[in-house]
Amino acid sequence: MPTPFIRNHQFNAIRRQSELLIQALRTVADRNVLKAVRDNASFKLGELFPELPDERRSELSALSELDTAEQFQQFLEGLEPWREAFPPISNNQLQKLFPKTKKLNAPDTALLDFRRLTYLGWTDIAANRMYLVYPSEGRYIGIAGRFTATNKKGYCLICNGYEELALFTVKTRPANSPPDYYKAFGNYICLDSQACNHRIADTAALEQFIQTIREGKAADA
């Protein structure tokens, strides 16, 4: 059994390059332009896995040499065994991440496909709460806050996709501040975390978002 090494956001980035190549193959007649698109795809794949052994790197770069939609689909399907799962987490572990929430209405983790998660997110409509869990350095980070549906589409901070958004607001208490002082930090992210996980191709914005909240010492969890 191969050792998985492709995280969800990396798989999404590979799929995105395949979509760009398919579009170019359908619309570009100039061979030089098409070669440039292929070379760029190969370069982008190399950037995704800078420390990958040459053998694996060569296997991935084969994507840039494909010609038909069927070949691209077969290539992506062939990557499934190499997909690295989000570290499995139980519902008991989720509850411990959010001790201030007495009744946590979390998704049933037994039903999740962890290979397709970069982060675990869900909303509790009745409580008007949004939750986000992200693995970092061998442990889980849990962020909880309020959400306000915008009822309109926009660009998500996390995945940069154009989708229906929610304003996710987290209360933080800065260091050395009075016990009753809170500062709200918020941003617009996808209301549907499953769709967001399907699009995210870079974790930089997500990790910066979490870091900013943690530096403010989130008080809502």
N, C-alpha and C. Protein backbone atom coordinates (compact mmCIF):
# COMPACT_ATOMS: atom_id res chain seq x y z
N MET A 1 0.84 -1.19 0.00
CA MET A 1 0.00 0.00 0.00
C MET A 1 0.88 1.25 0.00
N PRO A 2 0.69 2.16 -0.95
CA PRO A 2 1.52 3.37 -1.00
C PRO A 2 1.30 4.26 0.21
N THR A 3 2.35 4.98 0.59
CA THR A 3 2.23 5.93 1.70
C THR A 3 1.61 7.22 1.18
N PRO A 4 0.43 7.60 1.67
CA PRO A 4 -0.23 8.81 1.17
C PRO A 4 0.61 10.06 1.46
N PHE A 5 0.62 10.98 0.51
CA PHE A 5 1.39 12.22 0.70
C PHE A 5 0.67 13.44 0.13
N ILE A 6 -0.45 13.24 -0.54
CA ILE A 6 -1.16 14.36 -1.16
C ILE A 6 -2.29 14.82 -0.24
N ARG A 7 -2.13 15.98 0.35
CA ARG A 7 -3.17 16.53 1.22
C ARG A 7 -4.32 17.07 0.36
N ASN A 8 -5.44 17.28 1.01
CA ASN A 8 -6.64 17.69 0.28
C ASN A 8 -6.42 18.93 -0.57
N HIS A 9 -5.81 19.97 0.01
CA HIS A 9 -5.63 21.21 -0.74
C HIS A 9 -4.67 21.01 -1.92
N GLN A 10 -3.72 20.10 -1.76
CA GLN A 10 -2.79 19.81 -2.86
C GLN A 10 -3.50 19.06 -3.99
N PHE A 11 -4.39 18.14 -3.63
CA PHE A 11 -5.16 17.45 -4.66
C PHE A 11 -6.03 18.44 -5.42
N ASN A 12 -6.63 19.38 -4.70
CA ASN A 12 -7.45 20.41 -5.36
C ASN A 12 -6.61 21.24 -6.33
N ALA A 13 -5.37 21.53 -5.93
CA ALA A 13 -4.48 22.31 -6.80
C ALA A 13 -4.12 21.51 -8.05
N ILE A 14 -3.91 20.22 -7.89
CA ILE A 14 -3.62 19.36 -9.04
C ILE A 14 -4.83 19.33 -9.97
N ARG A 15 -6.01 19.18 -9.39
CA ARG A 15 -7.23 19.16 -10.21
C ARG A 15 -7.40 20.48 -10.95
N ARG A 16 -7.07 21.58 -10.28
CA ARG A 16 -7.17 22.90 -10.91
C ARG A 16 -6.23 23.00 -12.11
N GLN A 17 -5.02 22.48 -12.00
CA GLN A 17 -4.10 22.50 -13.12
C GLN A 17 -4.62 21.64 -14.28
N SER A 18 -5.26 20.53 -13.95
CA SER A 18 -5.83 19.69 -15.00
C SER A 18 -6.95 20.43 -15.73
N GLU A 19 -7.76 21.19 -14.98
CA GLU A 19 -8.84 21.96 -15.60
C GLU A 19 -8.29 23.05 -16.52
N LEU A 20 -7.21 23.70 -16.09
CA LEU A 20 -6.59 24.74 -16.92
C LEU A 20 -6.00 24.13 -18.19
N LEU A 21 -5.41 22.96 -18.07
CA LEU A 21 -4.84 22.29 -19.24
C LEU A 21 -5.92 21.85 -20.22
N ILE A 22 -7.01 21.32 -19.70
CA ILE A 22 -8.12 20.91 -20.57
C ILE A 22 -8.68 22.11 -21.32
N GLN A 23 -8.83 23.22 -20.61
CA GLN A 23 -9.33 24.44 -21.25
C GLN A 23 -8.38 24.91 -22.35
N ALA A 24 -7.08 24.86 -22.07
CA ALA A 24 -6.09 25.29 -23.06
C ALA A 24 -6.10 24.38 -24.28
N LEU A 25 -6.21 23.09 -24.05
CA LEU A 25 -6.22 22.13 -25.15
C LEU A 25 -7.44 22.34 -26.06
N ARG A 26 -8.51 22.82 -25.48
CA ARG A 26 -9.74 23.03 -26.25
C ARG A 26 -9.75 24.36 -26.99
N THR A 27 -9.00 25.33 -26.49
CA THR A 27 -9.13 26.69 -27.02
C THR A 27 -7.86 27.26 -27.66
N VAL A 28 -6.70 26.67 -27.38
CA VAL A 28 -5.43 27.23 -27.86
C VAL A 28 -4.93 26.43 -29.06
N ALA A 29 -4.64 27.13 -30.15
CA ALA A 29 -4.13 26.48 -31.35
C ALA A 29 -2.61 26.61 -31.47
N ASP A 30 -2.07 27.68 -30.90
CA ASP A 30 -0.64 27.94 -31.00
C ASP A 30 0.14 26.93 -30.14
N ARG A 31 1.03 26.17 -30.77
CA ARG A 31 1.79 25.14 -30.06
C ARG A 31 2.70 25.73 -28.99
N ASN A 32 3.27 26.88 -29.27
CA ASN A 32 4.17 27.51 -28.30
C ASN A 32 3.41 27.94 -27.05
N VAL A 33 2.22 28.48 -27.26
CA VAL A 33 1.40 28.88 -26.11
C VAL A 33 1.00 27.65 -25.30
N LEU A 34 0.61 26.60 -26.00
CA LEU A 34 0.21 25.37 -25.32
C LEU A 34 1.37 24.77 -24.54
N LYS A 35 2.56 24.83 -25.13
CA LYS A 35 3.74 24.32 -24.42
C LYS A 35 3.99 25.13 -23.16
N ALA A 36 3.78 26.44 -23.24
CA ALA A 36 3.97 27.30 -22.07
C ALA A 36 2.99 26.93 -20.96
N VAL A 37 1.76 26.62 -21.34
CA VAL A 37 0.74 26.22 -20.36
C VAL A 37 1.14 24.89 -19.71
N ARG A 38 1.62 23.96 -20.52
CA ARG A 38 2.06 22.67 -19.99
C ARG A 38 3.25 22.85 -19.04
N ASP A 39 4.21 23.67 -19.45
CA ASP A 39 5.40 23.91 -18.61
C ASP A 39 5.00 24.57 -17.29
N ASN A 40 4.05 25.49 -17.35
CA ASN A 40 3.60 26.17 -16.14
C ASN A 40 2.92 25.19 -15.19
N ALA A 41 2.13 24.27 -15.76
CA ALA A 41 1.47 23.26 -14.93
C ALA A 41 2.50 22.38 -14.23
N SER A 42 3.53 21.99 -14.97
CA SER A 42 4.59 21.16 -14.40
C SER A 42 5.32 21.91 -13.28
N PHE A 43 5.55 23.21 -13.49
CA PHE A 43 6.22 24.03 -12.48
C PHE A 43 5.36 24.15 -11.22
N LYS A 44 4.05 24.38 -11.41
CA LYS A 44 3.14 24.52 -10.28
C LYS A 44 3.08 23.24 -9.45
N LEU A 45 3.08 22.11 -10.13
CA LEU A 45 3.07 20.83 -9.41
C LEU A 45 4.35 20.64 -8.61
N GLY A 46 5.46 21.08 -9.18
CA GLY A 46 6.73 21.00 -8.47
C GLY A 46 6.73 21.86 -7.22
N GLU A 47 6.10 23.03 -7.31
CA GLU A 47 6.01 23.92 -6.15
C GLU A 47 5.19 23.30 -5.02
N LEU A 48 4.20 22.50 -5.38
CA LEU A 48 3.34 21.87 -4.37
C LEU A 48 4.11 20.88 -3.50
N PHE A 49 5.11 20.23 -4.10
CA PHE A 49 5.84 19.17 -3.40
C PHE A 49 7.34 19.38 -3.56
N PRO A 50 7.89 20.41 -2.92
CA PRO A 50 9.31 20.72 -3.11
C PRO A 50 10.27 19.64 -2.61
N GLU A 51 9.83 18.81 -1.66
CA GLU A 51 10.72 17.80 -1.08
C GLU A 51 10.38 16.39 -1.55
N LEU A 52 9.58 16.29 -2.58
CA LEU A 52 9.16 14.98 -3.08
C LEU A 52 10.31 14.29 -3.82
N PRO A 53 10.49 12.98 -3.62
CA PRO A 53 11.53 12.25 -4.37
C PRO A 53 11.30 12.39 -5.88
N ASP A 54 12.39 12.30 -6.63
CA ASP A 54 12.31 12.50 -8.08
C ASP A 54 11.32 11.55 -8.75
N GLU A 55 11.25 10.31 -8.25
CA GLU A 55 10.34 9.33 -8.85
C GLU A 55 8.89 9.80 -8.75
N ARG A 56 8.50 10.24 -7.57
CA ARG A 56 7.13 10.72 -7.37
C ARG A 56 6.90 12.01 -8.15
N ARG A 57 7.89 12.88 -8.16
CA ARG A 57 7.76 14.14 -8.88
C ARG A 57 7.54 13.89 -10.38
N SER A 58 8.25 12.91 -10.91
CA SER A 58 8.10 12.57 -12.33
C SER A 58 6.70 12.03 -12.62
N GLU A 59 6.17 11.24 -11.69
CA GLU A 59 4.82 10.68 -11.88
C GLU A 59 3.78 11.80 -11.91
N LEU A 60 3.93 12.79 -11.05
CA LEU A 60 2.98 13.90 -11.02
C LEU A 60 3.11 14.79 -12.25
N SER A 61 4.35 15.03 -12.67
CA SER A 61 4.56 15.92 -13.81
C SER A 61 4.00 15.35 -15.10
N ALA A 62 3.70 14.05 -15.10
CA ALA A 62 3.10 13.43 -16.28
C ALA A 62 1.75 14.06 -16.62
N LEU A 63 1.14 14.71 -15.64
CA LEU A 63 -0.14 15.40 -15.87
C LEU A 63 -0.02 16.40 -17.01
N SER A 64 1.11 17.10 -17.08
CA SER A 64 1.28 18.16 -18.07
C SER A 64 1.41 17.63 -19.50
N GLU A 65 1.55 16.31 -19.65
CA GLU A 65 1.70 15.73 -20.98
C GLU A 65 0.42 15.09 -21.51
N LEU A 66 -0.64 15.12 -20.72
CA LEU A 66 -1.89 14.49 -21.14
C LEU A 66 -2.62 15.33 -22.18
N ASP A 67 -3.54 14.68 -22.90
CA ASP A 67 -4.19 15.36 -24.03
C ASP A 67 -5.71 15.38 -23.99
N THR A 68 -6.34 14.44 -23.32
CA THR A 68 -7.80 14.37 -23.37
C THR A 68 -8.40 14.45 -21.97
N ALA A 69 -9.67 14.84 -21.92
CA ALA A 69 -10.38 14.93 -20.64
C ALA A 69 -10.42 13.57 -19.95
N GLU A 70 -10.56 12.52 -20.74
CA GLU A 70 -10.60 11.17 -20.17
C GLU A 70 -9.27 10.82 -19.52
N GLN A 71 -8.17 11.20 -20.15
CA GLN A 71 -6.85 10.93 -19.58
C GLN A 71 -6.66 11.69 -18.26
N PHE A 72 -7.11 12.94 -18.24
CA PHE A 72 -6.99 13.73 -17.01
C PHE A 72 -7.82 13.11 -15.89
N GLN A 73 -9.02 12.65 -16.22
CA GLN A 73 -9.88 12.03 -15.21
C GLN A 73 -9.24 10.76 -14.67
N GLN A 74 -8.68 9.96 -15.54
CA GLN A 74 -8.01 8.73 -15.12
C GLN A 74 -6.80 9.04 -14.24
N PHE A 75 -6.09 10.10 -14.60
CA PHE A 75 -4.92 10.51 -13.82
C PHE A 75 -5.34 10.88 -12.39
N LEU A 76 -6.39 11.69 -12.26
CA LEU A 76 -6.86 12.12 -10.94
C LEU A 76 -7.36 10.93 -10.13
N GLU A 77 -8.07 10.03 -10.78
CA GLU A 77 -8.55 8.84 -10.08
C GLU A 77 -7.39 7.98 -9.60
N GLY A 78 -6.32 7.97 -10.36
CA GLY A 78 -5.14 7.20 -9.98
C GLY A 78 -4.42 7.76 -8.77
N LEU A 79 -4.71 9.02 -8.43
CA LEU A 79 -4.08 9.65 -7.26
C LEU A 79 -4.80 9.32 -5.96
N GLU A 80 -5.99 8.75 -6.03
CA GLU A 80 -6.79 8.50 -4.83
C GLU A 80 -6.03 7.73 -3.75
N PRO A 81 -5.29 6.66 -4.09
CA PRO A 81 -4.57 5.94 -3.03
C PRO A 81 -3.47 6.77 -2.37
N TRP A 82 -3.06 7.85 -3.02
CA TRP A 82 -1.97 8.68 -2.50
C TRP A 82 -2.48 9.84 -1.65
N ARG A 83 -3.79 9.95 -1.50
CA ARG A 83 -4.35 11.08 -0.76
C ARG A 83 -4.21 10.88 0.75
N GLU A 84 -3.62 11.87 1.40
CA GLU A 84 -3.40 11.82 2.85
C GLU A 84 -4.63 12.37 3.57
N ALA A 85 -5.13 11.62 4.53
CA ALA A 85 -6.36 12.01 5.22
C ALA A 85 -6.10 13.05 6.31
N PHE A 86 -7.08 13.90 6.52
CA PHE A 86 -7.14 14.75 7.70
C PHE A 86 -7.04 13.82 8.91
N PRO A 87 -6.22 14.15 9.92
CA PRO A 87 -6.08 13.25 11.07
C PRO A 87 -7.45 12.95 11.69
N PRO A 88 -7.88 11.70 11.67
CA PRO A 88 -9.21 11.36 12.19
C PRO A 88 -9.42 11.87 13.61
N ILE A 89 -10.60 12.37 13.86
CA ILE A 89 -10.93 12.92 15.17
C ILE A 89 -12.30 12.40 15.58
N SER A 90 -12.46 12.08 16.84
CA SER A 90 -13.72 11.53 17.34
C SER A 90 -14.61 12.66 17.85
N ASN A 91 -15.87 12.34 18.06
CA ASN A 91 -16.79 13.33 18.60
C ASN A 91 -16.42 13.72 20.03
N ASN A 92 -15.85 12.78 20.79
CA ASN A 92 -15.39 13.11 22.14
C ASN A 92 -14.24 14.10 22.10
N GLN A 93 -13.35 13.94 21.15
CA GLN A 93 -12.25 14.89 21.00
C GLN A 93 -12.76 16.27 20.60
N LEU A 94 -13.76 16.30 19.75
CA LEU A 94 -14.35 17.58 19.36
C LEU A 94 -14.94 18.29 20.57
N GLN A 95 -15.63 17.55 21.41
CA GLN A 95 -16.23 18.15 22.60
C GLN A 95 -15.16 18.77 23.49
N LYS A 96 -14.03 18.11 23.62
CA LYS A 96 -12.95 18.63 24.47
C LYS A 96 -12.33 19.90 23.89
N LEU A 97 -12.41 20.06 22.57
CA LEU A 97 -11.88 21.28 21.95
C LEU A 97 -12.73 22.50 22.27
N PHE A 98 -14.01 22.25 22.57
CA PHE A 98 -14.94 23.36 22.83
C PHE A 98 -15.63 23.15 24.18
N PRO A 99 -14.87 23.26 25.27
CA PRO A 99 -15.41 22.95 26.60
C PRO A 99 -16.52 23.90 27.06
N LYS A 100 -16.56 25.10 26.50
CA LYS A 100 -17.60 26.06 26.91
C LYS A 100 -18.95 25.78 26.25
N THR A 101 -18.94 24.90 25.26
CA THR A 101 -20.19 24.52 24.59
C THR A 101 -20.70 23.24 25.23
N LYS A 102 -21.75 23.35 26.02
CA LYS A 102 -22.24 22.19 26.78
C LYS A 102 -22.79 21.10 25.87
N LYS A 103 -23.54 21.50 24.85
CA LYS A 103 -24.08 20.52 23.91
C LYS A 103 -23.59 20.87 22.52
N LEU A 104 -22.57 20.18 22.10
CA LEU A 104 -21.94 20.48 20.81
C LEU A 104 -22.64 19.68 19.71
N ASN A 105 -23.29 20.37 18.82
CA ASN A 105 -23.97 19.72 17.70
C ASN A 105 -22.99 19.54 16.54
N ALA A 106 -22.06 18.65 16.72
CA ALA A 106 -21.01 18.41 15.73
C ALA A 106 -21.46 17.34 14.73
N PRO A 107 -20.87 17.33 13.55
CA PRO A 107 -21.19 16.27 12.58
C PRO A 107 -20.71 14.92 13.09
N ASP A 108 -21.34 13.87 12.64
CA ASP A 108 -20.92 12.52 13.01
C ASP A 108 -19.62 12.20 12.28
N THR A 109 -18.53 12.15 13.03
CA THR A 109 -17.23 11.96 12.40
C THR A 109 -17.10 10.60 11.71
N ALA A 110 -17.92 9.64 12.11
CA ALA A 110 -17.87 8.32 11.48
C ALA A 110 -18.33 8.37 10.03
N LEU A 111 -19.04 9.43 9.66
CA LEU A 111 -19.58 9.55 8.31
C LEU A 111 -18.72 10.42 7.40
N LEU A 112 -17.62 10.96 7.93
CA LEU A 112 -16.80 11.89 7.16
C LEU A 112 -15.75 11.16 6.32
N ASP A 113 -15.49 11.68 5.14
CA ASP A 113 -14.37 11.22 4.32
C ASP A 113 -13.20 12.16 4.60
N PHE A 114 -12.33 11.75 5.49
CA PHE A 114 -11.26 12.63 5.96
C PHE A 114 -10.24 12.96 4.88
N ARG A 115 -10.21 12.19 3.79
CA ARG A 115 -9.28 12.51 2.71
C ARG A 115 -9.67 13.80 2.01
N ARG A 116 -10.93 14.18 2.13
CA ARG A 116 -11.43 15.36 1.43
C ARG A 116 -11.60 16.56 2.35
N LEU A 117 -10.86 16.55 3.44
CA LEU A 117 -10.91 17.66 4.39
C LEU A 117 -9.54 18.31 4.56
N THR A 118 -9.51 19.62 4.46
CA THR A 118 -8.35 20.40 4.88
C THR A 118 -8.61 20.93 6.29
N TYR A 119 -9.85 21.31 6.53
CA TYR A 119 -10.29 21.67 7.87
C TYR A 119 -11.69 21.10 8.06
N LEU A 120 -12.09 20.94 9.31
CA LEU A 120 -13.44 20.48 9.63
C LEU A 120 -14.23 21.69 10.09
N GLY A 121 -15.31 21.97 9.40
CA GLY A 121 -16.13 23.12 9.77
C GLY A 121 -17.61 22.77 9.72
N TRP A 122 -18.38 23.40 10.59
CA TRP A 122 -19.83 23.19 10.57
C TRP A 122 -20.52 24.36 11.28
N THR A 123 -21.81 24.46 11.06
CA THR A 123 -22.61 25.50 11.70
C THR A 123 -23.70 24.87 12.56
N ASP A 124 -24.01 25.53 13.65
CA ASP A 124 -25.15 25.17 14.49
C ASP A 124 -26.16 26.31 14.32
N ILE A 125 -27.12 26.09 13.44
CA ILE A 125 -28.06 27.15 13.08
C ILE A 125 -28.86 27.61 14.29
N ALA A 126 -29.30 26.68 15.13
CA ALA A 126 -30.12 27.03 16.28
C ALA A 126 -29.38 27.94 17.25
N ALA A 127 -28.09 27.70 17.41
CA ALA A 127 -27.28 28.51 18.33
C ALA A 127 -26.57 29.66 17.64
N ASN A 128 -26.71 29.73 16.31
CA ASN A 128 -26.05 30.77 15.52
C ASN A 128 -24.53 30.73 15.71
N ARG A 129 -24.01 29.50 15.71
CA ARG A 129 -22.58 29.31 15.96
C ARG A 129 -21.92 28.61 14.77
N MET A 130 -20.67 28.94 14.57
CA MET A 130 -19.85 28.28 13.56
C MET A 130 -18.59 27.75 14.23
N TYR A 131 -18.17 26.57 13.79
CA TYR A 131 -17.00 25.92 14.38
C TYR A 131 -16.01 25.54 13.29
N LEU A 132 -14.75 25.60 13.65
CA LEU A 132 -13.68 25.28 12.70
C LEU A 132 -12.59 24.53 13.46
N VAL A 133 -12.16 23.40 12.90
CA VAL A 133 -11.10 22.59 13.51
C VAL A 133 -10.01 22.36 12.47
N TYR A 134 -8.76 22.60 12.88
CA TYR A 134 -7.64 22.47 11.94
C TYR A 134 -6.48 21.77 12.64
N PRO A 135 -5.87 20.78 11.98
CA PRO A 135 -4.72 20.09 12.58
C PRO A 135 -3.44 20.89 12.36
N SER A 136 -2.66 21.02 13.41
CA SER A 136 -1.40 21.77 13.29
C SER A 136 -0.38 21.21 14.27
N GLU A 137 0.77 20.82 13.75
CA GLU A 137 1.88 20.34 14.56
C GLU A 137 1.46 19.23 15.51
N GLY A 138 0.70 18.28 15.00
CA GLY A 138 0.35 17.11 15.79
C GLY A 138 -0.81 17.27 16.74
N ARG A 139 -1.49 18.41 16.70
CA ARG A 139 -2.65 18.59 17.57
C ARG A 139 -3.73 19.36 16.82
N TYR A 140 -4.90 19.44 17.44
CA TYR A 140 -6.02 20.12 16.81
C TYR A 140 -6.20 21.52 17.39
N ILE A 141 -6.58 22.44 16.53
CA ILE A 141 -6.92 23.79 16.95
C ILE A 141 -8.41 23.98 16.70
N GLY A 142 -9.15 24.38 17.71
CA GLY A 142 -10.58 24.60 17.57
C GLY A 142 -10.93 26.07 17.70
N ILE A 143 -11.68 26.59 16.76
CA ILE A 143 -12.12 27.99 16.77
C ILE A 143 -13.65 28.00 16.72
N ALA A 144 -14.27 28.75 17.62
CA ALA A 144 -15.73 28.86 17.64
C ALA A 144 -16.12 30.33 17.64
N GLY A 145 -17.22 30.64 16.99
CA GLY A 145 -17.68 32.02 16.95
C GLY A 145 -19.09 32.12 16.41
N ARG A 146 -19.53 33.33 16.22
CA ARG A 146 -20.85 33.59 15.66
C ARG A 146 -20.77 33.65 14.15
N PHE A 147 -21.88 33.32 13.49
CA PHE A 147 -21.91 33.49 12.04
C PHE A 147 -23.16 34.23 11.63
N THR A 148 -22.99 35.05 10.61
CA THR A 148 -24.10 35.80 10.04
C THR A 148 -24.13 35.53 8.55
N ALA A 149 -25.17 34.86 8.08
CA ALA A 149 -25.28 34.58 6.65
C ALA A 149 -25.48 35.88 5.89
N THR A 150 -24.77 36.04 4.79
CA THR A 150 -24.88 37.27 4.00
C THR A 150 -25.98 37.18 2.95
N ASN A 151 -26.40 35.94 2.64
CA ASN A 151 -27.41 35.71 1.60
C ASN A 151 -26.97 36.26 0.24
N LYS A 152 -25.69 36.28 0.03
CA LYS A 152 -25.16 36.68 -1.27
C LYS A 152 -23.78 36.06 -1.45
N LYS A 153 -23.35 36.05 -2.69
CA LYS A 153 -22.06 35.45 -3.00
C LYS A 153 -20.93 36.47 -2.93
N GLY A 154 -19.76 35.95 -2.67
CA GLY A 154 -18.56 36.77 -2.63
C GLY A 154 -17.36 35.84 -2.60
N TYR A 155 -16.17 36.42 -2.41
CA TYR A 155 -14.95 35.62 -2.41
C TYR A 155 -14.57 35.22 -0.98
N CYS A 156 -14.42 33.93 -0.78
CA CYS A 156 -14.11 33.38 0.53
C CYS A 156 -12.64 33.63 0.89
N LEU A 157 -12.40 34.03 2.13
CA LEU A 157 -11.04 34.24 2.60
C LEU A 157 -10.21 32.96 2.53
N ILE A 158 -10.82 31.83 2.83
CA ILE A 158 -10.09 30.58 2.95
C ILE A 158 -9.76 29.94 1.61
N CYS A 159 -10.77 29.81 0.74
CA CYS A 159 -10.55 29.10 -0.53
C CYS A 159 -10.50 30.02 -1.75
N ASN A 160 -10.84 31.29 -1.55
CA ASN A 160 -10.86 32.28 -2.63
C ASN A 160 -11.88 31.94 -3.71
N GLY A 161 -12.82 31.07 -3.37
CA GLY A 161 -13.89 30.74 -4.31
C GLY A 161 -15.03 31.74 -4.21
N TYR A 162 -15.78 31.85 -5.29
CA TYR A 162 -16.93 32.76 -5.33
C TYR A 162 -18.16 31.96 -4.95
N GLU A 163 -18.61 32.13 -3.72
CA GLU A 163 -19.69 31.30 -3.19
C GLU A 163 -20.47 32.08 -2.14
N GLU A 164 -21.58 31.49 -1.69
CA GLU A 164 -22.38 32.14 -0.64
C GLU A 164 -21.55 32.20 0.64
N LEU A 165 -21.50 33.38 1.24
CA LEU A 165 -20.62 33.62 2.37
C LEU A 165 -21.36 33.80 3.68
N ALA A 166 -20.60 33.65 4.75
CA ALA A 166 -21.06 34.00 6.09
C ALA A 166 -19.97 34.83 6.75
N LEU A 167 -20.38 35.78 7.57
CA LEU A 167 -19.42 36.53 8.37
C LEU A 167 -19.17 35.74 9.64
N PHE A 168 -17.96 35.24 9.79
CA PHE A 168 -17.57 34.45 10.95
C PHE A 168 -16.85 35.37 11.93
N THR A 169 -17.44 35.56 13.11
CA THR A 169 -16.91 36.51 14.08
C THR A 169 -16.53 35.79 15.37
N VAL A 170 -15.30 36.01 15.81
CA VAL A 170 -14.78 35.37 17.01
C VAL A 170 -14.39 36.44 18.02
N LYS A 171 -14.81 36.25 19.26
CA LYS A 171 -14.41 37.18 20.32
C LYS A 171 -13.04 36.76 20.85
N THR A 172 -12.15 37.74 20.98
CA THR A 172 -10.83 37.48 21.53
C THR A 172 -10.57 38.42 22.71
N ARG A 173 -9.69 37.97 23.60
CA ARG A 173 -9.30 38.81 24.73
C ARG A 173 -7.79 38.99 24.67
N PRO A 174 -7.32 40.16 24.25
CA PRO A 174 -5.88 40.40 24.14
C PRO A 174 -5.16 40.21 25.47
N ALA A 175 -3.88 39.89 25.38
CA ALA A 175 -3.08 39.68 26.58
C ALA A 175 -3.06 40.94 27.44
N ASN A 176 -3.09 40.73 28.75
CA ASN A 176 -3.01 41.80 29.75
C ASN A 176 -4.20 42.76 29.71
N SER A 177 -5.29 42.35 29.08
CA SER A 177 -6.48 43.20 29.05
C SER A 177 -7.38 42.86 30.23
N PRO A 178 -8.27 43.77 30.64
CA PRO A 178 -9.21 43.50 31.73
C PRO A 178 -10.06 42.28 31.43
N PRO A 179 -10.52 41.55 32.45
CA PRO A 179 -11.30 40.33 32.25
C PRO A 179 -12.57 40.54 31.43
N ASP A 180 -13.14 41.73 31.49
CA ASP A 180 -14.41 41.98 30.79
C ASP A 180 -14.20 42.66 29.43
N TYR A 181 -12.93 42.73 28.99
CA TYR A 181 -12.66 43.38 27.71
C TYR A 181 -12.52 42.32 26.61
N TYR A 182 -13.26 42.50 25.54
CA TYR A 182 -13.18 41.58 24.40
C TYR A 182 -13.04 42.38 23.11
N LYS A 183 -12.38 41.77 22.16
CA LYS A 183 -12.25 42.36 20.84
C LYS A 183 -12.76 41.36 19.82
N ALA A 184 -13.61 41.82 18.93
CA ALA A 184 -14.19 40.92 17.92
C ALA A 184 -13.33 40.92 16.66
N PHE A 185 -13.09 39.74 16.16
CA PHE A 185 -12.36 39.58 14.91
C PHE A 185 -13.22 38.75 13.97
N GLY A 186 -13.41 39.23 12.75
CA GLY A 186 -14.27 38.50 11.83
C GLY A 186 -13.79 38.57 10.40
N ASN A 187 -14.28 37.63 9.61
CA ASN A 187 -13.99 37.62 8.18
C ASN A 187 -15.04 36.80 7.46
N TYR A 188 -15.06 36.97 6.14
CA TYR A 188 -16.06 36.29 5.33
C TYR A 188 -15.50 34.98 4.78
N ILE A 189 -16.19 33.89 5.11
CA ILE A 189 -15.79 32.58 4.63
C ILE A 189 -17.01 31.84 4.08
N CYS A 190 -16.78 30.74 3.39
CA CYS A 190 -17.87 29.96 2.81
C CYS A 190 -18.84 29.50 3.90
N LEU A 191 -20.11 29.64 3.64
CA LEU A 191 -21.12 29.12 4.55
C LEU A 191 -21.10 27.59 4.53
N ASP A 192 -20.79 27.02 3.38
CA ASP A 192 -20.73 25.57 3.20
C ASP A 192 -19.27 25.12 3.27
N SER A 193 -18.87 24.55 4.38
CA SER A 193 -17.46 24.15 4.55
C SER A 193 -17.09 22.99 3.63
N GLN A 194 -18.06 22.16 3.26
CA GLN A 194 -17.76 21.06 2.34
C GLN A 194 -17.35 21.59 0.98
N ALA A 195 -18.09 22.59 0.49
CA ALA A 195 -17.74 23.20 -0.79
C ALA A 195 -16.39 23.91 -0.69
N CYS A 196 -16.14 24.53 0.45
CA CYS A 196 -14.86 25.23 0.67
C CYS A 196 -13.70 24.24 0.63
N ASN A 197 -13.88 23.10 1.28
CA ASN A 197 -12.84 22.07 1.27
C ASN A 197 -12.61 21.51 -0.12
N HIS A 198 -13.63 21.55 -0.96
CA HIS A 198 -13.50 21.06 -2.33
C HIS A 198 -12.69 22.02 -3.19
N ARG A 199 -12.61 23.29 -2.79
CA ARG A 199 -11.93 24.30 -3.61
C ARG A 199 -10.56 24.71 -3.08
N ILE A 200 -10.37 24.68 -1.78
CA ILE A 200 -9.14 25.23 -1.21
C ILE A 200 -7.91 24.56 -1.81
N ALA A 201 -7.00 25.38 -2.32
CA ALA A 201 -5.79 24.87 -2.96
C ALA A 201 -4.52 25.41 -2.32
N ASP A 202 -4.68 26.17 -1.24
CA ASP A 202 -3.55 26.76 -0.53
C ASP A 202 -4.02 27.03 0.90
N THR A 203 -3.23 26.63 1.88
CA THR A 203 -3.64 26.79 3.28
C THR A 203 -3.14 28.08 3.92
N ALA A 204 -2.42 28.91 3.18
CA ALA A 204 -1.80 30.10 3.78
C ALA A 204 -2.83 31.03 4.41
N ALA A 205 -3.91 31.33 3.70
CA ALA A 205 -4.92 32.25 4.23
C ALA A 205 -5.62 31.66 5.44
N LEU A 206 -5.92 30.37 5.39
CA LEU A 206 -6.57 29.70 6.52
C LEU A 206 -5.67 29.73 7.75
N GLU A 207 -4.40 29.41 7.58
CA GLU A 207 -3.48 29.38 8.71
C GLU A 207 -3.24 30.78 9.28
N GLN A 208 -3.21 31.80 8.42
CA GLN A 208 -3.06 33.17 8.90
C GLN A 208 -4.30 33.60 9.68
N PHE A 209 -5.46 33.22 9.19
CA PHE A 209 -6.73 33.51 9.86
C PHE A 209 -6.74 32.91 11.27
N ILE A 210 -6.34 31.65 11.38
CA ILE A 210 -6.31 30.98 12.68
C ILE A 210 -5.26 31.60 13.59
N GLN A 211 -4.09 31.91 13.04
CA GLN A 211 -3.03 32.50 13.85
C GLN A 211 -3.45 33.85 14.42
N THR A 212 -4.10 34.66 13.60
CA THR A 212 -4.55 35.98 14.07
C THR A 212 -5.51 35.84 15.23
N ILE A 213 -6.43 34.89 15.14
CA ILE A 213 -7.39 34.67 16.22
C ILE A 213 -6.69 34.15 17.46
N ARG A 214 -5.78 33.21 17.29
CA ARG A 214 -5.08 32.64 18.44
C ARG A 214 -4.20 33.67 19.15
N GLU A 215 -3.61 34.56 18.38
CA GLU A 215 -2.79 35.60 18.99
C GLU A 215 -3.64 36.53 19.84
N GLY A 216 -4.91 36.65 19.46
CA GLY A 216 -5.84 37.46 20.25
C GLY A 216 -6.47 36.69 21.38
N LYS A 217 -6.11 35.38 21.50
CA LYS A 217 -6.63 34.51 22.54
C LYS A 217 -8.15 34.42 22.47
N ALA A 218 -8.61 33.56 21.57
CA ALA A 218 -10.05 33.38 21.37
C ALA A 218 -10.74 33.04 22.68
N ALA A 219 -11.83 33.74 22.95
CA ALA A 219 -12.55 33.56 24.21
C ALA A 219 -13.87 32.85 24.03
N ASP A 220 -14.16 32.41 22.81
CA ASP A 220 -15.48 31.85 22.52
C ASP A 220 -15.53 30.32 22.57
N ALA A 221 -14.38 29.67 22.54
CA ALA A 221 -14.37 28.21 22.45
C ALA A 221 -14.90 27.56 23.72
